[in-house]
Protein backbone atom coordinates (compact mmCIF):
# COMPACT_ATOMS: atom_id res chain seq x y z
CA MET A 1 -0.12 -0.27 0.26
CA SER A 2 1.34 3.68 -0.59
CA PRO A 3 1.72 6.01 2.16
CA VAL A 4 -0.07 8.85 2.53
CA ILE A 5 1.04 11.48 1.21
CA PRO A 6 -0.70 14.80 2.20
CA GLN A 7 -1.85 17.58 -0.46
CA LYS A 8 -0.77 20.87 -0.93
CA GLY A 9 -2.29 22.85 1.48
CA GLU A 10 -3.92 20.21 3.62
CA ARG A 11 -3.20 20.26 7.79
CA PHE A 12 -1.05 17.56 8.60
CA THR A 13 -2.57 15.38 11.47
CA ILE A 14 -1.74 13.20 14.13
CA PRO A 15 -4.20 10.13 15.44
CA GLY A 16 -5.84 10.73 18.41
CA LYS A 17 -5.06 7.86 19.83
CA TYR A 18 -1.69 8.05 18.95
CA LEU A 19 -1.09 11.49 20.54
CA LEU A 20 -2.50 10.37 23.79
CA PHE A 21 -0.47 7.08 24.27
CA VAL A 22 2.35 9.36 23.64
CA LEU A 23 1.15 11.77 26.57
CA THR A 24 0.98 8.86 28.50
CA ILE A 25 4.24 7.90 28.20
CA ILE A 26 5.38 11.26 29.09
CA CYS A 27 3.56 11.39 32.05
CA ILE A 28 4.90 7.87 33.70
CA ALA A 29 8.22 8.78 32.66
CA LEU A 30 7.78 11.93 34.62
CA ILE A 31 6.22 10.63 37.50
CA VAL A 32 9.34 8.18 37.52
CA ILE A 33 12.04 10.56 37.52
CA SER A 34 10.21 13.29 40.26
CA PHE A 35 10.35 10.29 42.79
CA ASN A 36 13.51 9.29 42.00
CA THR A 37 15.81 12.42 41.53
CA ASP A 38 15.62 15.90 42.40
CA ILE A 39 15.92 17.36 38.70
CA LEU A 40 12.14 18.39 38.51
CA SER A 41 12.01 19.72 41.72
CA LYS A 42 14.61 22.00 41.89
CA PRO A 43 13.54 24.27 38.61
CA ILE A 44 9.74 24.16 40.46
CA SER A 45 11.62 25.71 43.50
CA THR A 46 13.06 28.34 41.43
CA VAL A 47 10.30 29.35 39.56
CA SER A 48 7.61 28.86 42.45
CA GLY A 49 10.08 31.50 44.15
CA PHE A 50 10.01 34.00 41.79
CA VAL A 51 6.63 33.35 40.81
CA ILE A 52 4.07 32.12 43.33
CA THR A 53 5.78 33.87 46.91
CA PRO A 54 5.40 37.21 45.20
CA ILE A 55 1.50 36.47 45.06
CA GLN A 56 1.26 35.17 48.09
CA ASN A 57 2.95 38.27 49.51
CA GLY A 58 0.03 40.16 47.90
CA ILE A 59 -2.42 38.40 48.49
CA SER A 60 -0.97 38.41 52.62
CA LYS A 61 -0.41 42.32 52.29
CA ALA A 62 -4.20 42.77 50.96
CA GLY A 63 -5.65 40.60 53.35
CA SER A 64 -3.56 42.52 56.28
CA TYR A 65 -5.32 45.69 54.81
CA LEU A 66 -8.38 44.70 54.33
CA SER A 67 -8.68 43.74 57.70
CA GLY A 68 -7.41 47.13 58.83
CA ARG A 69 -10.07 48.63 56.73
CA LYS A 70 -13.08 46.47 58.17
CA GLU A 71 -11.83 47.61 61.74
CA ASP A 72 -11.44 50.93 60.62
CA LEU A 73 -15.07 51.41 59.03
CA LYS A 74 -16.46 49.10 62.34
CA GLN A 75 -14.50 51.69 64.88
CA LEU A 76 -16.81 54.61 62.20
CA ARG A 77 -19.71 52.71 63.00
CA THR A 78 -19.36 52.95 66.44
CA LEU A 79 -18.06 56.78 65.84
CA LEU A 80 -21.38 57.30 64.24
CA GLU A 81 -23.45 55.51 66.33
CA GLU A 82 -22.01 57.13 69.31
CA ASN A 83 -22.09 60.69 67.50
CA GLU A 84 -26.07 60.38 66.53
CA SER A 85 -26.65 59.38 71.05
CA LEU A 86 -24.34 62.78 71.31
CA LYS A 87 -26.75 64.63 69.06
CA ALA A 88 -30.21 63.40 70.15
CA LYS A 89 -28.22 64.13 74.06
CA LEU A 90 -27.50 67.89 73.05
CA ASP A 91 -30.50 68.67 71.09
CA GLU A 92 -32.65 66.97 74.49
CA LEU A 93 -29.98 69.37 76.80
CA THR A 94 -31.06 72.19 74.22
CA ILE A 95 -34.52 71.73 74.41
CA GLU A 96 -34.10 71.60 78.30
CA ASN A 97 -32.24 74.37 78.25
CA ILE A 98 -34.37 76.84 76.61
CA LYS A 99 -37.36 75.59 78.58
CA LEU A 100 -35.62 76.41 81.87
CA GLN A 101 -34.64 80.04 80.08
CA GLN A 102 -38.53 79.90 79.45
CA ASP A 103 -39.54 78.81 82.89
CA ARG A 104 -36.60 81.95 84.24
CA TYR A 105 -38.44 84.47 82.11
CA GLU A 106 -42.24 83.90 83.43
CA LEU A 107 -40.80 83.94 86.73
CA VAL A 108 -39.55 87.02 86.45
CA SER A 109 -42.40 88.01 84.92
CA LEU A 110 -44.95 86.64 87.89
CA ARG A 111 -42.60 88.24 89.63
CA GLU A 112 -43.04 91.50 88.71
CA LEU A 113 -47.14 91.03 88.32
CA TYR A 114 -46.80 89.58 92.20
CA GLU A 115 -45.16 92.77 93.15
CA LEU A 116 -47.37 95.52 90.78
CA ASP A 117 -50.84 93.30 92.64
CA SER A 118 -48.78 94.09 95.83
CA GLN A 119 -48.72 97.78 95.17
CA TYR A 120 -52.56 98.02 93.81
CA ASP A 121 -54.07 95.83 96.41
CA ASP A 122 -57.27 97.75 96.90
CA TYR A 123 -58.21 96.66 93.23
CA GLU A 124 -59.20 93.09 92.56
CA LYS A 125 -57.24 91.95 89.52
CA VAL A 126 -56.65 88.78 87.56
CA GLY A 127 -54.06 87.29 85.90
CA ALA A 128 -54.09 86.56 82.21
CA ARG A 129 -51.40 85.49 79.54
CA ILE A 130 -51.02 87.66 76.06
CA ILE A 131 -52.05 85.32 72.84
CA ALA A 132 -52.15 87.34 70.08
CA LYS A 133 -51.09 90.46 68.88
CA ASP A 134 -51.51 93.49 65.90
CA SER A 135 -48.57 93.12 63.34
CA GLY A 136 -45.77 95.23 64.32
CA ASN A 137 -42.82 96.02 66.89
CA TRP A 138 -44.73 96.56 69.76
CA PHE A 139 -47.62 95.12 71.80
CA HIS A 140 -49.93 98.02 71.03
CA SER A 141 -52.82 96.35 70.53
CA PHE A 142 -53.02 92.65 71.76
CA VAL A 143 -55.35 89.64 72.85
CA ILE A 144 -55.27 87.86 76.11
CA ASN A 145 -56.84 84.40 77.20
CA LYS A 146 -59.35 85.56 79.27
CA GLY A 147 -63.09 87.36 78.63
CA SER A 148 -66.37 87.74 79.82
CA ASN A 149 -66.64 84.25 81.10
CA ASP A 150 -64.37 85.29 83.95
CA GLY A 151 -65.85 88.97 84.92
CA LEU A 152 -63.98 90.65 81.85
CA GLU A 153 -65.62 93.62 80.53
CA VAL A 154 -64.76 97.06 77.86
CA ASP A 155 -62.65 99.52 79.76
CA MET A 156 -61.17 97.76 82.31
CA ASN A 157 -57.90 98.70 83.13
CA VAL A 158 -54.83 96.53 82.41
CA MET A 159 -51.23 96.59 83.80
CA ALA A 160 -47.95 95.13 83.70
CA GLY A 161 -44.44 95.67 84.49
CA SER A 162 -44.34 98.68 86.78
CA GLY A 163 -47.66 100.35 85.80
CA LEU A 164 -50.46 101.05 83.20
CA VAL A 165 -50.74 99.08 80.01
CA GLY A 166 -53.99 100.18 78.88
CA ARG A 167 -57.65 99.36 78.59
CA ILE A 168 -59.74 96.10 77.29
CA SER A 169 -61.37 97.85 74.07
CA ASP A 170 -63.24 94.66 73.06
CA VAL A 171 -64.25 91.33 74.77
CA GLY A 172 -65.26 87.70 73.64
CA PRO A 173 -66.50 84.62 76.00
CA ASN A 174 -62.72 83.83 76.55
CA TRP A 175 -60.61 86.33 75.05
CA ALA A 176 -60.48 90.16 75.03
CA LYS A 177 -58.48 92.91 73.29
CA VAL A 178 -56.15 95.13 75.07
CA LEU A 179 -55.72 98.87 73.28
CA SER A 180 -52.42 100.29 74.94
CA ILE A 181 -51.55 102.94 76.22
CA ILE A 182 -48.86 104.49 73.04
CA ASP A 183 -51.02 102.84 70.57
CA ASP A 184 -51.49 106.13 67.64
CA SER A 185 -55.36 106.09 69.13
CA SER A 186 -55.01 106.01 72.72
CA ASN A 187 -55.40 109.20 74.76
CA THR A 188 -54.95 108.96 78.34
CA SER A 189 -55.73 111.65 81.45
CA GLY A 190 -52.37 111.82 83.74
CA MET A 191 -51.49 113.41 86.49
CA VAL A 192 -48.27 114.68 88.09
CA LEU A 193 -48.17 113.17 90.94
CA SER A 194 -45.53 115.50 92.91
CA THR A 195 -47.82 118.40 92.32
CA SER A 196 -51.27 117.32 90.73
CA ASP A 197 -51.26 118.99 88.24
CA ASN A 198 -53.32 117.57 84.83
CA LEU A 199 -51.97 116.77 81.17
CA ILE A 200 -52.95 114.27 78.56
CA VAL A 201 -50.97 111.84 77.45
CA THR A 202 -51.45 110.81 73.45
CA GLY A 203 -50.28 107.77 71.70
CA ASP A 204 -47.40 108.00 69.66
CA LEU A 205 -46.23 104.73 68.07
CA GLN A 206 -43.10 106.90 65.85
CA CYS A 207 -42.28 108.42 69.07
CA TYR A 208 -42.46 105.29 71.01
CA SER A 209 -39.75 103.90 68.75
CA ASP A 210 -37.40 106.08 70.72
CA GLY A 211 -38.67 104.79 73.52
CA VAL A 212 -40.97 107.72 74.75
CA ILE A 213 -44.60 108.81 74.22
CA PRO A 214 -45.79 112.57 74.36
CA PHE A 215 -48.10 114.62 76.82
CA GLU A 216 -49.40 118.08 76.69
CA LYS A 217 -51.56 119.97 77.97
CA LEU A 218 -50.05 120.44 81.15
CA VAL A 219 -50.73 123.46 83.57
CA ASP A 220 -47.63 124.27 85.73
CA THR A 221 -47.22 128.46 85.73
CA ALA A 222 -45.26 127.87 89.03
CA ASP A 223 -43.07 125.51 87.12
CA ARG A 224 -42.85 122.87 89.68
CA VAL A 225 -42.76 119.99 87.19
CA VAL A 226 -38.93 118.64 86.34
CA GLU A 227 -37.94 115.98 84.37
CA GLY A 228 -37.94 112.46 86.27
CA ASP A 229 -41.48 113.30 87.68
CA LYS A 230 -43.77 110.35 88.08
CA ILE A 231 -47.29 110.66 85.97
CA VAL A 232 -50.20 108.20 86.94
CA THR A 233 -53.33 108.28 85.97
CA SER A 234 -55.89 111.26 87.32
CA ASN A 235 -58.95 111.34 89.22
CA VAL A 236 -60.82 112.78 86.32
CA SER A 237 -59.98 109.78 83.45
CA ASP A 238 -63.02 108.65 82.45
CA LYS A 239 -61.74 105.28 81.86
CA TYR A 240 -58.82 105.00 84.21
CA LEU A 241 -58.30 103.85 87.79
CA PRO A 242 -56.63 106.99 89.91
CA GLY A 243 -52.99 106.22 90.60
CA ILE A 244 -52.01 103.96 88.68
CA LEU A 245 -48.33 104.69 87.57
CA ILE A 246 -47.92 106.21 83.60
CA GLY A 247 -44.12 106.81 83.74
CA TYR A 248 -41.86 109.21 84.39
CA ILE A 249 -41.44 112.40 82.45
CA SER A 250 -38.01 112.50 80.33
CA SER A 251 -38.48 116.09 78.50
CA ILE A 252 -40.24 118.86 78.98
CA ASN A 253 -41.06 122.25 77.00
CA LYS A 254 -43.05 125.34 77.09
CA ASP A 255 -45.71 125.53 74.35
CA SER A 256 -46.31 128.79 71.92
CA ASN A 257 -48.96 130.34 74.03
CA ASN A 258 -47.11 130.62 77.23
CA LEU A 259 -49.86 128.89 79.25
CA THR A 260 -49.12 125.49 79.03
CA LYS A 261 -46.44 123.08 78.52
CA SER A 262 -45.82 119.66 76.64
CA GLY A 263 -43.26 117.17 76.25
CA TYR A 264 -41.97 113.22 76.47
CA LEU A 265 -42.67 110.96 78.64
CA THR A 266 -40.97 107.21 79.11
CA PRO A 267 -43.64 104.67 79.88
CA ALA A 268 -43.56 102.42 82.74
CA VAL A 269 -44.17 99.38 80.97
CA ASP A 270 -41.92 97.85 78.44
CA PHE A 271 -44.41 97.36 75.28
CA ASP A 272 -41.36 95.78 73.38
CA HIS A 273 -41.66 92.56 75.83
CA LEU A 274 -45.13 91.62 77.05
CA ASN A 275 -46.26 88.07 77.64
CA GLU A 276 -48.37 88.10 81.61
CA VAL A 277 -50.83 91.18 82.32
CA LEU A 278 -53.20 91.97 85.50
CA VAL A 279 -56.76 92.83 84.70
CA ILE A 280 -58.54 95.35 87.43
CA LYS A 281 -61.74 94.24 87.79
CA GLN A 282 -63.65 97.36 88.40
CA LEU A 283 -64.55 100.05 86.00
CA LYS A 284 -63.88 103.60 86.41
CA GLN A 285 -67.98 104.31 86.28
CA ILE A 286 -68.12 101.45 89.50
CA VAL A 287 -65.68 103.23 91.77
CA GLU A 288 -67.40 107.17 90.82
CA GLU A 289 -70.71 105.90 91.93
CA GLU A 290 -69.15 104.68 95.04
């Protein structure tokens, strides 16, 4: 039989059974050599020293790095939890501090009302809290949380701080509106306490921006009235009970008619900050009848 000669362009292939036989012989030879000699072990060890060892070192370093990051993340998580806990405690302390400040402010306010109540102990009074106010920086008109159900009536006098705030202008079952003496529509009949001279205190919000309100029609021919004199409500006032402190004269000038004087007084009440007030449960008309 003539040998099989591959044609030009055809690939030369070895039958699979011959290839398997050759590989088997090579494997058996390598096994015998590796058991009886160290010819193969040294090259393999050398190759592993250059290739496998750096890989192992890299893997070890990577493991150490990851382990360190794991600990860092664990510590970070702990710190975050502690931070949240501290924030919560800080919020609680802040709220508690605000509450203490409010309690302190209310205590001071109530103490002032108590002292004011003691000064005017001839009048029956009821305490009330301000629940609303008209627009603006000052308490020139506001609403309190007591009304006709508590015995309040229109024109009852309202006090706070060291003296007169104003009077009730409107009343409902559980509320009342107060018009203060600094309101532009307010006019209060006053009296100089040291001389008993009468005058009129007029509300003026623009003037109160400087902390004062004007007065007029003061008859002081003897020039006895001076700065610092106390102004109280007059006996002839048709709305206010007598003797309630309005304020102190801060400046005084003679009018162009040379008969009367006018000027400014500093109110006894801080109309920038009001929270609680006292309402006198008596009307001027009732006092006059008695």
